[in-house]
Each structure stands twice: as C-alpha cells, then as structure tokens.
Amino acid sequence: LGVGKVLVQLGSASATANGADAKDNTVSLGYDHPLSKLTDVYAVFVNHKVSNLASGHTLATGLRVRF
C-alpha cells in the first residue's frame, strides 16, 4: 500500500446494569498516508455494535499537521 500505514482496531466490552447484560463490539479499519514529514491525511471506517441495538457506522477523514 505504498508509504502509508493500514490501521486496524478491535474492541469489546461488557457490562451489567439493572439486571440486563450489554455487550459492545467495535471494529475500525483505516489508512494513514504521509504527504510530507509533518503532514499526513487519514481515513478511518468504524463499525460499532451494542447488543439489542442496530449497528452504527462512522467514517472519519482528516488532515494532520505537526508543528
């Protein structure tokens, strides 16, 4: 994939509140591409699922400048 970096994240959590169990699962997949030593662009897709609820999707993009 060139000079960029592939980013992957998996997460899981569970809790019990008021006698009900809830489970939370998150999967993220992204790509970070350097434009120069101090600047890069990135995009990340996130799938978030909480038990007994519909799953949600997020797409984040950005430009990072270090100084």
Foldseek 3Di string as FASTA:
>chain_A
DPPKDKDWDWDKDWDADPNDIKIKIKIKIKIWADPDPFKIKMKMKMWIDMPPDDIDIDIDIDMGGDD
